[in-house]
C-alpha atoms as a PDB file:
ATOM      1  CA  MET A   1     -25.669   6.794 -18.119  1.00  0.00           C
ATOM      2  CA  SER A   2     -24.344   6.388 -14.568  1.00  0.00           C
ATOM      3  CA  LYS A   3     -20.685   5.698 -13.887  1.00  0.00           C
ATOM      4  CA  ALA A   4     -19.128   4.871 -10.543  1.00  0.00           C
ATOM      5  CA  TYR A   5     -16.060   3.417  -8.967  1.00  0.00           C
ATOM      6  CA  VAL A   6     -16.796   0.840  -6.290  1.00  0.00           C
ATOM      7  CA  LEU A   7     -14.199   0.189  -3.601  1.00  0.00           C
ATOM      8  CA  ILE A   8     -14.456  -3.425  -2.441  1.00  0.00           C
ATOM      9  CA  ASN A   9     -12.938  -4.948   0.680  1.00  0.00           C
ATOM     10  CA  VAL A  10     -12.558  -8.702   0.160  1.00  0.00           C
ATOM     11  CA  GLU A  11     -11.372 -11.761   2.025  1.00  0.00           C
ATOM     12  CA  ARG A  12      -8.051 -13.282   1.010  1.00  0.00           C
ATOM     13  CA  ASP A  13      -7.551 -16.377  -1.121  1.00  0.00           C
ATOM     14  CA  LEU A  14     -10.848 -16.238  -2.992  1.00  0.00           C
ATOM     15  CA  ASP A  15     -11.121 -15.871  -6.768  1.00  0.00           C
ATOM     16  CA  ILE A  16     -13.356 -12.808  -6.639  1.00  0.00           C
ATOM     17  CA  THR A  17     -11.760 -11.111  -9.660  1.00  0.00           C
ATOM     18  CA  SER A  18     -13.117 -13.680 -12.118  1.00  0.00           C
ATOM     19  CA  ARG A  19     -16.617 -13.407 -10.632  1.00  0.00           C
ATOM     20  CA  LEU A  20     -16.554  -9.608 -10.863  1.00  0.00           C
ATOM     21  CA  LYS A  21     -15.433  -9.750 -14.509  1.00  0.00           C
ATOM     22  CA  LYS A  22     -18.550 -11.803 -15.344  1.00  0.00           C
ATOM     23  CA  ILE A  23     -20.823  -8.874 -14.411  1.00  0.00           C
ATOM     24  CA  PRO A  24     -21.467  -7.028 -17.721  1.00  0.00           C
ATOM     25  CA  GLU A  25     -21.776  -3.592 -16.112  1.00  0.00           C
ATOM     26  CA  ILE A  26     -18.253  -3.850 -14.646  1.00  0.00           C
ATOM     27  CA  LYS A  27     -15.854  -2.365 -17.182  1.00  0.00           C
ATOM     28  CA  GLU A  28     -12.549  -2.499 -15.249  1.00  0.00           C
ATOM     29  CA  VAL A  29     -11.243  -4.442 -12.231  1.00  0.00           C
ATOM     30  CA  TYR A  30      -8.122  -3.546 -10.238  1.00  0.00           C
ATOM     31  CA  GLY A  31      -6.545  -5.129  -7.169  1.00  0.00           C
ATOM     32  CA  ILE A  32      -6.221  -8.463  -5.436  1.00  0.00           C
ATOM     33  CA  TYR A  33      -7.354  -8.180  -1.800  1.00  0.00           C
ATOM     34  CA  ASP A  34      -8.828  -4.705  -1.778  1.00  0.00           C
ATOM     35  CA  MET A  35     -10.290  -3.919  -5.173  1.00  0.00           C
ATOM     36  CA  ILE A  36     -11.721  -1.098  -7.207  1.00  0.00           C
ATOM     37  CA  VAL A  37     -14.082  -1.649 -10.127  1.00  0.00           C
ATOM     38  CA  LYS A  38     -15.477   0.749 -12.695  1.00  0.00           C
ATOM     39  CA  VAL A  39     -19.209   0.264 -13.201  1.00  0.00           C
ATOM     40  CA  GLU A  40     -21.354   1.722 -15.999  1.00  0.00           C
ATOM     41  CA  THR A  41     -25.149   1.419 -15.919  1.00  0.00           C
ATOM     42  CA  LYS A  42     -28.107   3.071 -17.647  1.00  0.00           C
ATOM     43  CA  ASP A  43     -29.123   4.989 -14.484  1.00  0.00           C
ATOM     44  CA  LYS A  44     -28.542   5.319 -10.735  1.00  0.00           C
ATOM     45  CA  LYS A  45     -31.242   2.791  -9.859  1.00  0.00           C
ATOM     46  CA  ASP A  46     -29.537   0.164 -12.009  1.00  0.00           C
ATOM     47  CA  LEU A  47     -26.186   1.088 -10.425  1.00  0.00           C
ATOM     48  CA  GLN A  48     -27.681   0.455  -6.981  1.00  0.00           C
ATOM     49  CA  ARG A  49     -29.031  -2.904  -8.162  1.00  0.00           C
ATOM     50  CA  VAL A  50     -25.640  -4.017  -9.501  1.00  0.00           C
ATOM     51  CA  VAL A  51     -23.850  -3.098  -6.278  1.00  0.00           C
ATOM     52  CA  ILE A  52     -26.411  -4.577  -3.883  1.00  0.00           C
ATOM     53  CA  GLU A  53     -27.635  -7.603  -5.822  1.00  0.00           C
ATOM     54  CA  ARG A  54     -24.512  -8.611  -7.751  1.00  0.00           C
ATOM     55  CA  ILE A  55     -21.291  -7.325  -6.174  1.00  0.00           C
ATOM     56  CA  ARG A  56     -22.225  -7.575  -2.484  1.00  0.00           C
ATOM     57  CA  ARG A  57     -23.612 -11.094  -2.909  1.00  0.00           C
ATOM     58  CA  ILE A  58     -20.269 -12.514  -4.070  1.00  0.00           C
ATOM     59  CA  ASN A  59     -18.857 -14.808  -1.406  1.00  0.00           C
ATOM     60  CA  GLY A  60     -15.852 -13.099   0.167  1.00  0.00           C
ATOM     61  CA  VAL A  61     -16.942  -9.499  -0.397  1.00  0.00           C
ATOM     62  CA  ARG A  62     -16.827  -7.888   3.050  1.00  0.00           C
ATOM     63  CA  SER A  63     -17.904  -4.332   2.225  1.00  0.00           C
ATOM     64  CA  THR A  64     -18.277  -1.816  -0.589  1.00  0.00           C
ATOM     65  CA  MET A  65     -18.166   1.954  -0.987  1.00  0.00           C
ATOM     66  CA  THR A  66     -19.582   3.510  -4.144  1.00  0.00           C
ATOM     67  CA  LEU A  67     -18.079   6.708  -5.583  1.00  0.00           C
ATOM     68  CA  VAL A  68     -20.430   8.094  -8.248  1.00  0.00           C
ATOM     69  CA  VAL A  69     -18.803   9.967 -11.136  1.00  0.00           C
ATOM     70  CA  VAL A  70     -20.297  13.440 -11.574  1.00  0.00           C
ATOM     71  CA  SER A  71     -19.885  14.882 -15.047  1.00  0.00           C
END
């Protein structure tokens, strides 16, 4: 299993939190304008897919930085 925290820079006044919470791999969401989410996936390739194809495609997401948990 791969775990990571993704730092997300977002535009103001958009309901991004509710859209992030709909992504099954996202386990926790924190913040309002700059956010951090905890993501759990089966492997690193799936983690990359979630970040690139799901999180970054949300309208209002400006940038992301992924911090992979090493255990």
